[in-house]
Amino acid sequence: MIVVNDFMFCKQHGSEYCHLCTCDHRDGNNHVLDLYNTFADNVEESGFSLEERTPLNAYSYGAVPVRRGSEDYKCTTHGTKDCERCFDWVGIVRREVQEAETQERWLERRRRYFERVDRD
């Protein structure tokens, strides 16, 4: 396991949820940054599930060891350990929650439209 800016990932693949390593760090990561409280209203309104959110991959966000054998990770863009710009996990999850809310609103409008059309 590796930790990048307080989030845990499998070391071999860099994934929060890794079926190959049989680990799922999403729930623990949600608690580490108190995402349940941060997004409480948004999750309730949209029905979005933090437990089932899209798993993040530290390596795809540019995480690399600070030096060979190190347990600390930096970004490739800025060379900063636990870079808050590249590894802004709250911001990344926020965008996914907002997309779910937008999708939920669109589905609701669509449902109302079809209800009107079906009455005619």
PDB file of N, CA and C in Angstrom:
ATOM      1  N   MET A   1       0.841  -1.176   0.000  1.00  0.00           N
ATOM      2  CA  MET A   1       0.000   0.000   0.000  1.00  0.00           C
ATOM      3  C   MET A   1       0.892   1.248   0.000  1.00  0.00           C
ATOM      4  N   ILE A   2       0.436   2.263  -0.727  1.00  0.00           N
ATOM      5  CA  ILE A   2       1.102   3.560  -0.710  1.00  0.00           C
ATOM      6  C   ILE A   2       0.101   4.609  -0.232  1.00  0.00           C
ATOM      7  N   VAL A   3       0.622   5.711   0.282  1.00  0.00           N
ATOM      8  CA  VAL A   3      -0.221   6.829   0.701  1.00  0.00           C
ATOM      9  C   VAL A   3       0.257   8.066  -0.054  1.00  0.00           C
ATOM     10  N   VAL A   4      -0.692   8.693  -0.752  1.00  0.00           N
ATOM     11  CA  VAL A   4      -0.385   9.898  -1.517  1.00  0.00           C
ATOM     12  C   VAL A   4      -1.352  10.985  -1.062  1.00  0.00           C
ATOM     13  N   ASN A   5      -0.822  12.030  -0.462  1.00  0.00           N
ATOM     14  CA  ASN A   5      -1.628  13.130   0.067  1.00  0.00           C
ATOM     15  C   ASN A   5      -2.820  12.608   0.872  1.00  0.00           C
ATOM     16  N   ASP A   6      -2.535  11.705   1.792  1.00  0.00           N
ATOM     17  CA  ASP A   6      -3.484  11.124   2.751  1.00  0.00           C
ATOM     18  C   ASP A   6      -4.413  10.058   2.186  1.00  0.00           C
ATOM     19  N   PHE A   7      -4.386   9.769   0.900  1.00  0.00           N
ATOM     20  CA  PHE A   7      -5.222   8.719   0.315  1.00  0.00           C
ATOM     21  C   PHE A   7      -4.392   7.460   0.130  1.00  0.00           C
ATOM     22  N   MET A   8      -4.999   6.301   0.365  1.00  0.00           N
ATOM     23  CA  MET A   8      -4.322   5.008   0.230  1.00  0.00           C
ATOM     24  C   MET A   8      -4.636   4.380  -1.127  1.00  0.00           C
ATOM     25  N   PHE A   9      -3.624   3.712  -1.679  1.00  0.00           N
ATOM     26  CA  PHE A   9      -3.740   3.042  -2.973  1.00  0.00           C
ATOM     27  C   PHE A   9      -2.937   1.750  -2.922  1.00  0.00           C
ATOM     28  N   CYS A  10      -3.267   0.787  -3.784  1.00  0.00           N
ATOM     29  CA  CYS A  10      -2.423  -0.406  -3.854  1.00  0.00           C
ATOM     30  C   CYS A  10      -1.084   0.012  -4.467  1.00  0.00           C
ATOM     31  N   LYS A  11      -0.033  -0.540  -3.962  1.00  0.00           N
ATOM     32  CA  LYS A  11       1.304  -0.132  -4.409  1.00  0.00           C
ATOM     33  C   LYS A  11       1.609  -0.607  -5.826  1.00  0.00           C
ATOM     34  N   GLN A  12       1.222  -1.830  -6.139  1.00  0.00           N
ATOM     35  CA  GLN A  12       1.587  -2.390  -7.430  1.00  0.00           C
ATOM     36  C   GLN A  12       0.899  -1.683  -8.598  1.00  0.00           C
ATOM     37  N   HIS A  13      -0.370  -1.313  -8.438  1.00  0.00           N
ATOM     38  CA  HIS A  13      -1.137  -0.747  -9.553  1.00  0.00           C
ATOM     39  C   HIS A  13      -1.565   0.698  -9.338  1.00  0.00           C
ATOM     40  N   GLY A  14      -1.421   1.213  -8.128  1.00  0.00           N
ATOM     41  CA  GLY A  14      -1.762   2.596  -7.831  1.00  0.00           C
ATOM     42  C   GLY A  14      -3.250   2.863  -7.679  1.00  0.00           C
ATOM     43  N   SER A  15      -4.041   1.810  -7.537  1.00  0.00           N
ATOM     44  CA  SER A  15      -5.493   1.954  -7.514  1.00  0.00           C
ATOM     45  C   SER A  15      -6.063   2.000  -6.101  1.00  0.00           C
ATOM     46  N   GLU A  16      -7.120   2.799  -5.961  1.00  0.00           N
ATOM     47  CA  GLU A  16      -7.880   2.802  -4.705  1.00  0.00           C
ATOM     48  C   GLU A  16      -8.618   1.478  -4.558  1.00  0.00           C
ATOM     49  N   TYR A  17      -9.228   1.043  -5.654  1.00  0.00           N
ATOM     50  CA  TYR A  17      -9.892  -0.259  -5.689  1.00  0.00           C
ATOM     51  C   TYR A  17      -9.143  -1.096  -6.707  1.00  0.00           C
ATOM     52  N   CYS A  18      -8.596  -2.195  -6.250  1.00  0.00           N
ATOM     53  CA  CYS A  18      -7.816  -3.040  -7.158  1.00  0.00           C
ATOM     54  C   CYS A  18      -8.300  -4.482  -7.039  1.00  0.00           C
ATOM     55  N   HIS A  19      -8.925  -4.972  -8.095  1.00  0.00           N
ATOM     56  CA  HIS A  19      -9.406  -6.356  -8.066  1.00  0.00           C
ATOM     57  C   HIS A  19      -8.243  -7.346  -8.121  1.00  0.00           C
ATOM     58  N   LEU A  20      -7.118  -6.949  -8.661  1.00  0.00           N
ATOM     59  CA  LEU A  20      -5.958  -7.839  -8.723  1.00  0.00           C
ATOM     60  C   LEU A  20      -5.314  -8.024  -7.348  1.00  0.00           C
ATOM     61  N   CYS A  21      -5.293  -6.948  -6.574  1.00  0.00           N
ATOM     62  CA  CYS A  21      -4.705  -7.004  -5.226  1.00  0.00           C
ATOM     63  C   CYS A  21      -5.771  -7.242  -4.152  1.00  0.00           C
ATOM     64  N   THR A  22      -7.009  -7.327  -4.582  1.00  0.00           N
ATOM     65  CA  THR A  22      -8.170  -7.501  -3.700  1.00  0.00           C
ATOM     66  C   THR A  22      -8.174  -6.501  -2.548  1.00  0.00           C
ATOM     67  N   CYS A  23      -8.109  -5.224  -2.921  1.00  0.00           N
ATOM     68  CA  CYS A  23      -8.200  -4.172  -1.905  1.00  0.00           C
ATOM     69  C   CYS A  23      -9.138  -3.069  -2.393  1.00  0.00           C
ATOM     70  N   ASP A  24      -9.814  -2.466  -1.446  1.00  0.00           N
ATOM     71  CA  ASP A  24     -10.693  -1.339  -1.745  1.00  0.00           C
ATOM     72  C   ASP A  24     -10.485  -0.301  -0.645  1.00  0.00           C
ATOM     73  N   HIS A  25      -9.765   0.755  -0.978  1.00  0.00           N
ATOM     74  CA  HIS A  25      -9.426   1.799  -0.006  1.00  0.00           C
ATOM     75  C   HIS A  25     -10.396   2.977  -0.044  1.00  0.00           C
ATOM     76  N   ARG A  26     -11.434   2.917  -0.875  1.00  0.00           N
ATOM     77  CA  ARG A  26     -12.341   4.063  -1.015  1.00  0.00           C
ATOM     78  C   ARG A  26     -12.992   4.463   0.302  1.00  0.00           C
ATOM     79  N   ASP A  27     -13.538   3.503   1.039  1.00  0.00           N
ATOM     80  CA  ASP A  27     -14.214   3.847   2.287  1.00  0.00           C
ATOM     81  C   ASP A  27     -13.251   4.490   3.282  1.00  0.00           C
ATOM     82  N   GLY A  28     -12.081   3.904   3.435  1.00  0.00           N
ATOM     83  CA  GLY A  28     -11.080   4.487   4.332  1.00  0.00           C
ATOM     84  C   GLY A  28     -10.664   5.875   3.889  1.00  0.00           C
ATOM     85  N   ASN A  29     -10.480   6.057   2.586  1.00  0.00           N
ATOM     86  CA  ASN A  29     -10.113   7.370   2.058  1.00  0.00           C
ATOM     87  C   ASN A  29     -11.239   8.382   2.259  1.00  0.00           C
ATOM     88  N   ASN A  30     -12.472   7.938   2.083  1.00  0.00           N
ATOM     89  CA  ASN A  30     -13.613   8.828   2.319  1.00  0.00           C
ATOM     90  C   ASN A  30     -13.607   9.337   3.764  1.00  0.00           C
ATOM     91  N   HIS A  31     -13.254   8.452   4.693  1.00  0.00           N
ATOM     92  CA  HIS A  31     -13.218   8.842   6.110  1.00  0.00           C
ATOM     93  C   HIS A  31     -12.026   9.734   6.438  1.00  0.00           C
ATOM     94  N   VAL A  32     -10.885   9.448   5.823  1.00  0.00           N
ATOM     95  CA  VAL A  32      -9.674  10.226   6.102  1.00  0.00           C
ATOM     96  C   VAL A  32      -9.906  11.717   5.843  1.00  0.00           C
ATOM     97  N   LEU A  33     -10.568  12.025   4.745  1.00  0.00           N
ATOM     98  CA  LEU A  33     -10.810  13.430   4.400  1.00  0.00           C
ATOM     99  C   LEU A  33     -12.240  13.864   4.723  1.00  0.00           C
ATOM    100  N   ASP A  34     -12.964  13.042   5.497  1.00  0.00           N
ATOM    101  CA  ASP A  34     -14.316  13.366   5.958  1.00  0.00           C
ATOM    102  C   ASP A  34     -15.250  13.715   4.792  1.00  0.00           C
ATOM    103  N   LEU A  35     -15.152  12.945   3.735  1.00  0.00           N
ATOM    104  CA  LEU A  35     -15.962  13.215   2.550  1.00  0.00           C
ATOM    105  C   LEU A  35     -17.451  13.013   2.806  1.00  0.00           C
ATOM    106  N   TYR A  36     -17.790  12.145   3.761  1.00  0.00           N
ATOM    107  CA  TYR A  36     -19.210  11.916   4.056  1.00  0.00           C
ATOM    108  C   TYR A  36     -19.869  13.202   4.546  1.00  0.00           C
ATOM    109  N   ASN A  37     -19.174  13.965   5.373  1.00  0.00           N
ATOM    110  CA  ASN A  37     -19.724  15.240   5.843  1.00  0.00           C
ATOM    111  C   ASN A  37     -19.574  16.337   4.794  1.00  0.00           C
ATOM    112  N   THR A  38     -18.464  16.332   4.099  1.00  0.00           N
ATOM    113  CA  THR A  38     -18.213  17.347   3.078  1.00  0.00           C
ATOM    114  C   THR A  38     -19.299  17.341   2.005  1.00  0.00           C
ATOM    115  N   PHE A  39     -19.727  16.152   1.596  1.00  0.00           N
ATOM    116  CA  PHE A  39     -20.696  16.034   0.507  1.00  0.00           C
ATOM    117  C   PHE A  39     -22.064  15.532   0.971  1.00  0.00           C
ATOM    118  N   ALA A  40     -22.374  15.659   2.238  1.00  0.00           N
ATOM    119  CA  ALA A  40     -23.621  15.106   2.792  1.00  0.00           C
ATOM    120  C   ALA A  40     -24.850  15.580   2.024  1.00  0.00           C
ATOM    121  N   ASP A  41     -24.979  16.884   1.818  1.00  0.00           N
ATOM    122  CA  ASP A  41     -26.156  17.412   1.118  1.00  0.00           C
ATOM    123  C   ASP A  41     -26.187  16.965  -0.335  1.00  0.00           C
ATOM    124  N   ASN A  42     -25.051  17.012  -0.993  1.00  0.00           N
ATOM    125  CA  ASN A  42     -24.982  16.639  -2.408  1.00  0.00           C
ATOM    126  C   ASN A  42     -25.326  15.168  -2.612  1.00  0.00           C
ATOM    127  N   VAL A  43     -24.801  14.323  -1.739  1.00  0.00           N
ATOM    128  CA  VAL A  43     -25.017  12.886  -1.860  1.00  0.00           C
ATOM    129  C   VAL A  43     -26.485  12.562  -1.623  1.00  0.00           C
ATOM    130  N   GLU A  44     -27.077  13.213  -0.650  1.00  0.00           N
ATOM    131  CA  GLU A  44     -28.486  12.965  -0.330  1.00  0.00           C
ATOM    132  C   GLU A  44     -29.391  13.362  -1.497  1.00  0.00           C
ATOM    133  N   GLU A  45     -29.124  14.511  -2.098  1.00  0.00           N
ATOM    134  CA  GLU A  45     -29.957  15.010  -3.199  1.00  0.00           C
ATOM    135  C   GLU A  45     -29.832  14.169  -4.462  1.00  0.00           C
ATOM    136  N   SER A  46     -28.620  13.759  -4.779  1.00  0.00           N
ATOM    137  CA  SER A  46     -28.400  13.069  -6.058  1.00  0.00           C
ATOM    138  C   SER A  46     -28.464  11.556  -5.947  1.00  0.00           C
ATOM    139  N   GLY A  47     -28.376  11.036  -4.739  1.00  0.00           N
ATOM    140  CA  GLY A  47     -28.336   9.588  -4.580  1.00  0.00           C
ATOM    141  C   GLY A  47     -26.967   9.008  -4.898  1.00  0.00           C
ATOM    142  N   PHE A  48     -25.980   9.889  -5.029  1.00  0.00           N
ATOM    143  CA  PHE A  48     -24.610   9.470  -5.325  1.00  0.00           C
ATOM    144  C   PHE A  48     -24.060   8.668  -4.149  1.00  0.00           C
ATOM    145  N   SER A  49     -23.335   7.615  -4.424  1.00  0.00           N
ATOM    146  CA  SER A  49     -22.766   6.769  -3.380  1.00  0.00           C
ATOM    147  C   SER A  49     -21.252   6.948  -3.321  1.00  0.00           C
ATOM    148  N   LEU A  50     -20.779   7.492  -2.215  1.00  0.00           N
ATOM    149  CA  LEU A  50     -19.329   7.643  -2.061  1.00  0.00           C
ATOM    150  C   LEU A  50     -18.635   6.286  -2.026  1.00  0.00           C
ATOM    151  N   GLU A  51     -19.319   5.277  -1.515  1.00  0.00           N
ATOM    152  CA  GLU A  51     -18.716   3.936  -1.455  1.00  0.00           C
ATOM    153  C   GLU A  51     -18.527   3.345  -2.845  1.00  0.00           C
ATOM    154  N   GLU A  52     -19.369   3.752  -3.784  1.00  0.00           N
ATOM    155  CA  GLU A  52     -19.322   3.198  -5.135  1.00  0.00           C
ATOM    156  C   GLU A  52     -18.760   4.180  -6.160  1.00  0.00           C
ATOM    157  N   ARG A  53     -18.149   5.267  -5.674  1.00  0.00           N
ATOM    158  CA  ARG A  53     -17.614   6.257  -6.609  1.00  0.00           C
ATOM    159  C   ARG A  53     -16.501   5.648  -7.451  1.00  0.00           C
ATOM    160  N   THR A  54     -16.176   6.302  -8.539  1.00  0.00           N
ATOM    161  CA  THR A  54     -15.119   5.820  -9.423  1.00  0.00           C
ATOM    162  C   THR A  54     -13.794   5.818  -8.655  1.00  0.00           C
ATOM    163  N   PRO A  55     -13.122   4.671  -8.597  1.00  0.00           N
ATOM    164  CA  PRO A  55     -11.848   4.618  -7.878  1.00  0.00           C
ATOM    165  C   PRO A  55     -10.791   5.478  -8.566  1.00  0.00           C
ATOM    166  N   LEU A  56      -9.969   6.105  -7.762  1.00  0.00           N
ATOM    167  CA  LEU A  56      -8.879   6.925  -8.295  1.00  0.00           C
ATOM    168  C   LEU A  56      -7.627   6.076  -8.441  1.00  0.00           C
ATOM    169  N   ASN A  57      -6.723   6.523  -9.288  1.00  0.00           N
ATOM    170  CA  ASN A  57      -5.448   5.843  -9.465  1.00  0.00           C
ATOM    171  C   ASN A  57      -4.336   6.879  -9.296  1.00  0.00           C
ATOM    172  N   ALA A  58      -3.539   6.715  -8.269  1.00  0.00           N
ATOM    173  CA  ALA A  58      -2.479   7.682  -7.954  1.00  0.00           C
ATOM    174  C   ALA A  58      -1.479   7.823  -9.096  1.00  0.00           C
ATOM    175  N   TYR A  59      -1.144   6.720  -9.742  1.00  0.00           N
ATOM    176  CA  TYR A  59      -0.159   6.775 -10.813  1.00  0.00           C
ATOM    177  C   TYR A  59      -0.691   7.545 -12.021  1.00  0.00           C
ATOM    178  N   SER A  60      -1.980   7.458 -12.282  1.00  0.00           N
ATOM    179  CA  SER A  60      -2.532   8.196 -13.425  1.00  0.00           C
ATOM    180  C   SER A  60      -2.561   9.696 -13.164  1.00  0.00           C
ATOM    181  N   TYR A  61      -2.461  10.095 -11.893  1.00  0.00           N
ATOM    182  CA  TYR A  61      -2.362  11.518 -11.549  1.00  0.00           C
ATOM    183  C   TYR A  61      -0.905  11.959 -11.403  1.00  0.00           C
ATOM    184  N   GLY A  62       0.030  11.087 -11.768  1.00  0.00           N
ATOM    185  CA  GLY A  62       1.441  11.451 -11.807  1.00  0.00           C
ATOM    186  C   GLY A  62       2.228  11.179 -10.541  1.00  0.00           C
ATOM    187  N   ALA A  63       1.743  10.308  -9.668  1.00  0.00           N
ATOM    188  CA  ALA A  63       2.468   9.996  -8.435  1.00  0.00           C
ATOM    189  C   ALA A  63       3.672   9.103  -8.733  1.00  0.00           C
ATOM    190  N   VAL A  64       4.807   9.532  -8.233  1.00  0.00           N
ATOM    191  CA  VAL A  64       6.042   8.744  -8.343  1.00  0.00           C
ATOM    192  C   VAL A  64       6.773   8.847  -7.001  1.00  0.00           C
ATOM    193  N   PRO A  65       7.567   7.830  -6.650  1.00  0.00           N
ATOM    194  CA  PRO A  65       8.311   7.925  -5.388  1.00  0.00           C
ATOM    195  C   PRO A  65       9.240   9.142  -5.391  1.00  0.00           C
ATOM    196  N   VAL A  66       9.409   9.743  -4.227  1.00  0.00           N
ATOM    197  CA  VAL A  66      10.301  10.900  -4.103  1.00  0.00           C
ATOM    198  C   VAL A  66      11.714  10.508  -4.541  1.00  0.00           C
ATOM    199  N   ARG A  67      12.143   9.325  -4.149  1.00  0.00           N
ATOM    200  CA  ARG A  67      13.424   8.754  -4.591  1.00  0.00           C
ATOM    201  C   ARG A  67      13.297   7.230  -4.531  1.00  0.00           C
ATOM    202  N   ARG A  68      14.173   6.538  -5.168  1.00  0.00           N
ATOM    203  CA  ARG A  68      14.121   5.069  -5.215  1.00  0.00           C
ATOM    204  C   ARG A  68      14.011   4.504  -3.792  1.00  0.00           C
ATOM    205  N   GLY A  69      13.017   3.640  -3.598  1.00  0.00           N
ATOM    206  CA  GLY A  69      12.814   2.990  -2.314  1.00  0.00           C
ATOM    207  C   GLY A  69      12.040   3.823  -1.295  1.00  0.00           C
ATOM    208  N   SER A  70      11.726   5.049  -1.641  1.00  0.00           N
ATOM    209  CA  SER A  70      11.009   5.931  -0.714  1.00  0.00           C
ATOM    210  C   SER A  70       9.546   5.527  -0.601  1.00  0.00           C
ATOM    211  N   GLU A  71       8.971   5.762   0.563  1.00  0.00           N
ATOM    212  CA  GLU A  71       7.533   5.541   0.746  1.00  0.00           C
ATOM    213  C   GLU A  71       6.753   6.836   0.567  1.00  0.00           C
ATOM    214  N   ASP A  72       7.447   7.928   0.305  1.00  0.00           N
ATOM    215  CA  ASP A  72       6.801   9.211   0.040  1.00  0.00           C
ATOM    216  C   ASP A  72       6.647   9.383  -1.468  1.00  0.00           C
ATOM    217  N   TYR A  73       5.559  10.053  -1.868  1.00  0.00           N
ATOM    218  CA  TYR A  73       5.278  10.230  -3.287  1.00  0.00           C
ATOM    219  C   TYR A  73       5.141  11.705  -3.630  1.00  0.00           C
ATOM    220  N   LYS A  74       5.625  12.035  -4.831  1.00  0.00           N
ATOM    221  CA  LYS A  74       5.552  13.399  -5.345  1.00  0.00           C
ATOM    222  C   LYS A  74       4.857  13.354  -6.703  1.00  0.00           C
ATOM    223  N   CYS A  75       4.484  14.524  -7.189  1.00  0.00           N
ATOM    224  CA  CYS A  75       3.881  14.588  -8.525  1.00  0.00           C
ATOM    225  C   CYS A  75       4.981  14.785  -9.560  1.00  0.00           C
ATOM    226  N   THR A  76       4.721  14.338 -10.756  1.00  0.00           N
ATOM    227  CA  THR A  76       5.702  14.520 -11.827  1.00  0.00           C
ATOM    228  C   THR A  76       5.652  15.941 -12.380  1.00  0.00           C
ATOM    229  N   THR A  77       4.527  16.628 -12.228  1.00  0.00           N
ATOM    230  CA  THR A  77       4.376  17.973 -12.784  1.00  0.00           C
ATOM    231  C   THR A  77       5.183  19.012 -12.015  1.00  0.00           C
ATOM    232  N   HIS A  78       5.067  19.007 -10.692  1.00  0.00           N
ATOM    233  CA  HIS A  78       5.723  20.032  -9.873  1.00  0.00           C
ATOM    234  C   HIS A  78       6.888  19.501  -9.046  1.00  0.00           C
ATOM    235  N   GLY A  79       6.993  18.174  -8.946  1.00  0.00           N
ATOM    236  CA  GLY A  79       8.038  17.574  -8.127  1.00  0.00           C
ATOM    237  C   GLY A  79       7.793  17.786  -6.637  1.00  0.00           C
ATOM    238  N   THR A  80       6.533  18.022  -6.265  1.00  0.00           N
ATOM    239  CA  THR A  80       6.176  18.329  -4.883  1.00  0.00           C
ATOM    240  C   THR A  80       5.625  17.094  -4.193  1.00  0.00           C
ATOM    241  N   LYS A  81       6.183  16.792  -3.016  1.00  0.00           N
ATOM    242  CA  LYS A  81       5.683  15.670  -2.229  1.00  0.00           C
ATOM    243  C   LYS A  81       4.239  15.961  -1.807  1.00  0.00           C
ATOM    244  N   ASP A  82       3.349  14.970  -2.015  1.00  0.00           N
ATOM    245  CA  ASP A  82       1.924  15.100  -1.664  1.00  0.00           C
ATOM    246  C   ASP A  82       1.321  16.397  -2.212  1.00  0.00           C
ATOM    247  N   CYS A  83       1.624  16.700  -3.449  1.00  0.00           N
ATOM    248  CA  CYS A  83       1.180  17.936  -4.098  1.00  0.00           C
ATOM    249  C   CYS A  83      -0.331  18.118  -3.983  1.00  0.00           C
ATOM    250  N   GLU A  84      -0.731  19.221  -3.393  1.00  0.00           N
ATOM    251  CA  GLU A  84      -2.157  19.472  -3.192  1.00  0.00           C
ATOM    252  C   GLU A  84      -2.861  19.904  -4.472  1.00  0.00           C
ATOM    253  N   ARG A  85      -2.105  20.346  -5.463  1.00  0.00           N
ATOM    254  CA  ARG A  85      -2.725  20.698  -6.746  1.00  0.00           C
ATOM    255  C   ARG A  85      -2.972  19.452  -7.587  1.00  0.00           C
ATOM    256  N   CYS A  86      -1.993  18.603  -7.687  1.00  0.00           N
ATOM    257  CA  CYS A  86      -2.141  17.393  -8.509  1.00  0.00           C
ATOM    258  C   CYS A  86      -2.943  16.307  -7.803  1.00  0.00           C
ATOM    259  N   PHE A  87      -2.824  16.241  -6.490  1.00  0.00           N
ATOM    260  CA  PHE A  87      -3.505  15.209  -5.712  1.00  0.00           C
ATOM    261  C   PHE A  87      -4.609  15.827  -4.860  1.00  0.00           C
ATOM    262  N   ASP A  88      -5.430  16.643  -5.493  1.00  0.00           N
ATOM    263  CA  ASP A  88      -6.566  17.287  -4.830  1.00  0.00           C
ATOM    264  C   ASP A  88      -7.743  16.311  -4.844  1.00  0.00           C
ATOM    265  N   TRP A  89      -7.683  15.313  -3.990  1.00  0.00           N
ATOM    266  CA  TRP A  89      -8.682  14.245  -3.995  1.00  0.00           C
ATOM    267  C   TRP A  89     -10.090  14.781  -3.729  1.00  0.00           C
ATOM    268  N   VAL A  90     -10.228  15.736  -2.816  1.00  0.00           N
ATOM    269  CA  VAL A  90     -11.549  16.307  -2.531  1.00  0.00           C
ATOM    270  C   VAL A  90     -12.107  16.969  -3.789  1.00  0.00           C
ATOM    271  N   GLY A  91     -11.298  17.726  -4.475  1.00  0.00           N
ATOM    272  CA  GLY A  91     -11.738  18.392  -5.697  1.00  0.00           C
ATOM    273  C   GLY A  91     -12.127  17.401  -6.786  1.00  0.00           C
ATOM    274  N   ILE A  92     -11.366  16.328  -6.889  1.00  0.00           N
ATOM    275  CA  ILE A  92     -11.644  15.313  -7.904  1.00  0.00           C
ATOM    276  C   ILE A  92     -12.979  14.620  -7.596  1.00  0.00           C
ATOM    277  N   VAL A  93     -13.187  14.255  -6.336  1.00  0.00           N
ATOM    278  CA  VAL A  93     -14.450  13.625  -5.949  1.00  0.00           C
ATOM    279  C   VAL A  93     -15.596  14.629  -6.093  1.00  0.00           C
ATOM    280  N   ARG A  94     -15.346  15.899  -5.753  1.00  0.00           N
ATOM    281  CA  ARG A  94     -16.382  16.936  -5.896  1.00  0.00           C
ATOM    282  C   ARG A  94     -16.880  17.009  -7.348  1.00  0.00           C
ATOM    283  N   ARG A  95     -15.956  16.958  -8.304  1.00  0.00           N
ATOM    284  CA  ARG A  95     -16.361  16.997  -9.713  1.00  0.00           C
ATOM    285  C   ARG A  95     -17.239  15.799 -10.068  1.00  0.00           C
ATOM    286  N   GLU A  96     -16.905  14.635  -9.541  1.00  0.00           N
ATOM    287  CA  GLU A  96     -17.725  13.452  -9.824  1.00  0.00           C
ATOM    288  C   GLU A  96     -19.121  13.591  -9.196  1.00  0.00           C
ATOM    289  N   VAL A  97     -19.187  14.124  -7.981  1.00  0.00           N
ATOM    290  CA  VAL A  97     -20.479  14.347  -7.320  1.00  0.00           C
ATOM    291  C   VAL A  97     -21.304  15.353  -8.120  1.00  0.00           C
ATOM    292  N   GLN A  98     -20.663  16.425  -8.581  1.00  0.00           N
ATOM    293  CA  GLN A  98     -21.378  17.438  -9.367  1.00  0.00           C
ATOM    294  C   GLN A  98     -21.891  16.857 -10.684  1.00  0.00           C
ATOM    295  N   GLU A  99     -21.109  16.009 -11.312  1.00  0.00           N
ATOM    296  CA  GLU A  99     -21.553  15.354 -12.545  1.00  0.00           C
ATOM    297  C   GLU A  99     -22.769  14.474 -12.266  1.00  0.00           C
ATOM    298  N   ALA A 100     -22.760  13.776 -11.126  1.00  0.00           N
ATOM    299  CA  ALA A 100     -23.901  12.930 -10.753  1.00  0.00           C
ATOM    300  C   ALA A 100     -25.140  13.782 -10.514  1.00  0.00           C
ATOM    301  N   GLU A 101     -24.959  14.938  -9.876  1.00  0.00           N
ATOM    302  CA  GLU A 101     -26.095  15.843  -9.643  1.00  0.00           C
ATOM    303  C   GLU A 101     -26.658  16.339 -10.967  1.00  0.00           C
ATOM    304  N   THR A 102     -25.786  16.716 -11.884  1.00  0.00           N
ATOM    305  CA  THR A 102     -26.219  17.183 -13.202  1.00  0.00           C
ATOM    306  C   THR A 102     -26.980  16.076 -13.922  1.00  0.00           C
ATOM    307  N   GLN A 103     -26.462  14.879 -13.860  1.00  0.00           N
ATOM    308  CA  GLN A 103     -27.118  13.731 -14.487  1.00  0.00           C
ATOM    309  C   GLN A 103     -28.491  13.486 -13.855  1.00  0.00           C
ATOM    310  N   GLU A 104     -28.571  13.583 -12.536  1.00  0.00           N
ATOM    311  CA  GLU A 104     -29.838  13.374 -11.830  1.00  0.00           C
ATOM    312  C   GLU A 104     -30.868  14.426 -12.244  1.00  0.00           C
ATOM    313  N   ARG A 105     -30.452  15.687 -12.340  1.00  0.00           N
ATOM    314  CA  ARG A 105     -31.369  16.751 -12.775  1.00  0.00           C
ATOM    315  C   ARG A 105     -31.849  16.505 -14.205  1.00  0.00           C
ATOM    316  N   TRP A 106     -30.944  16.091 -15.076  1.00  0.00           N
ATOM    317  CA  TRP A 106     -31.316  15.811 -16.458  1.00  0.00           C
ATOM    318  C   TRP A 106     -32.319  14.664 -16.519  1.00  0.00           C
ATOM    319  N   LEU A 107     -32.086  13.603 -15.759  1.00  0.00           N
ATOM    320  CA  LEU A 107     -33.008  12.472 -15.747  1.00  0.00           C
ATOM    321  C   LEU A 107     -34.382  12.879 -15.216  1.00  0.00           C
ATOM    322  N   GLU A 108     -34.395  13.758 -14.213  1.00  0.00           N
ATOM    323  CA  GLU A 108     -35.662  14.243 -13.671  1.00  0.00           C
ATOM    324  C   GLU A 108     -36.417  15.061 -14.721  1.00  0.00           C
ATOM    325  N   ARG A 109     -35.739  15.939 -15.428  1.00  0.00           N
ATOM    326  CA  ARG A 109     -36.388  16.712 -16.503  1.00  0.00           C
ATOM    327  C   ARG A 109     -36.920  15.778 -17.589  1.00  0.00           C
ATOM    328  N   ARG A 110     -36.135  14.804 -17.923  1.00  0.00           N
ATOM    329  CA  ARG A 110     -36.542  13.832 -18.938  1.00  0.00           C
ATOM    330  C   ARG A 110     -37.788  13.073 -18.475  1.00  0.00           C
ATOM    331  N   ARG A 111     -37.806  12.639 -17.228  1.00  0.00           N
ATOM    332  CA  ARG A 111     -38.961  11.923 -16.687  1.00  0.00           C
ATOM    333  C   ARG A 111     -40.219  12.791 -16.757  1.00  0.00           C
ATOM    334  N   ARG A 112     -40.112  14.061 -16.349  1.00  0.00           N
ATOM    335  CA  ARG A 112     -41.265  14.972 -16.393  1.00  0.00           C
ATOM    336  C   ARG A 112     -41.735  15.187 -17.830  1.00  0.00           C
ATOM    337  N   TYR A 113     -40.800  15.309 -18.753  1.00  0.00           N
ATOM    338  CA  TYR A 113     -41.157  15.475 -20.158  1.00  0.00           C
ATOM    339  C   TYR A 113     -41.975  14.279 -20.645  1.00  0.00           C
ATOM    340  N   PHE A 114     -41.480  13.076 -20.369  1.00  0.00           N
ATOM    341  CA  PHE A 114     -42.186  11.886 -20.841  1.00  0.00           C
ATOM    342  C   PHE A 114     -43.536  11.727 -20.152  1.00  0.00           C
ATOM    343  N   GLU A 115     -43.658  12.162 -18.928  1.00  0.00           N
ATOM    344  CA  GLU A 115     -44.960  12.133 -18.259  1.00  0.00           C
ATOM    345  C   GLU A 115     -45.951  13.042 -18.984  1.00  0.00           C
ATOM    346  N   ARG A 116     -45.496  14.233 -19.392  1.00  0.00           N
ATOM    347  CA  ARG A 116     -46.354  15.163 -20.132  1.00  0.00           C
ATOM    348  C   ARG A 116     -46.731  14.588 -21.493  1.00  0.00           C
ATOM    349  N   VAL A 117     -45.768  14.044 -22.185  1.00  0.00           N
ATOM    350  CA  VAL A 117     -45.991  13.505 -23.523  1.00  0.00           C
ATOM    351  C   VAL A 117     -46.941  12.305 -23.454  1.00  0.00           C
ATOM    352  N   ASP A 118     -46.772  11.467 -22.460  1.00  0.00           N
ATOM    353  CA  ASP A 118     -47.610  10.275 -22.335  1.00  0.00           C
ATOM    354  C   ASP A 118     -49.062  10.630 -22.023  1.00  0.00           C
ATOM    355  N   ARG A 119     -49.296  11.781 -21.356  1.00  0.00           N
ATOM    356  CA  ARG A 119     -50.662  12.203 -21.038  1.00  0.00           C
ATOM    357  C   ARG A 119     -51.409  12.667 -22.278  1.00  0.00           C
ATOM    358  N   ASP A 120     -50.684  13.169 -23.236  1.00  0.00           N
ATOM    359  CA  ASP A 120     -51.318  13.723 -24.456  1.00  0.00           C
ATOM    360  C   ASP A 120     -51.763  12.680 -25.419  1.00  0.00           C
TER     361      ASP A 120
END
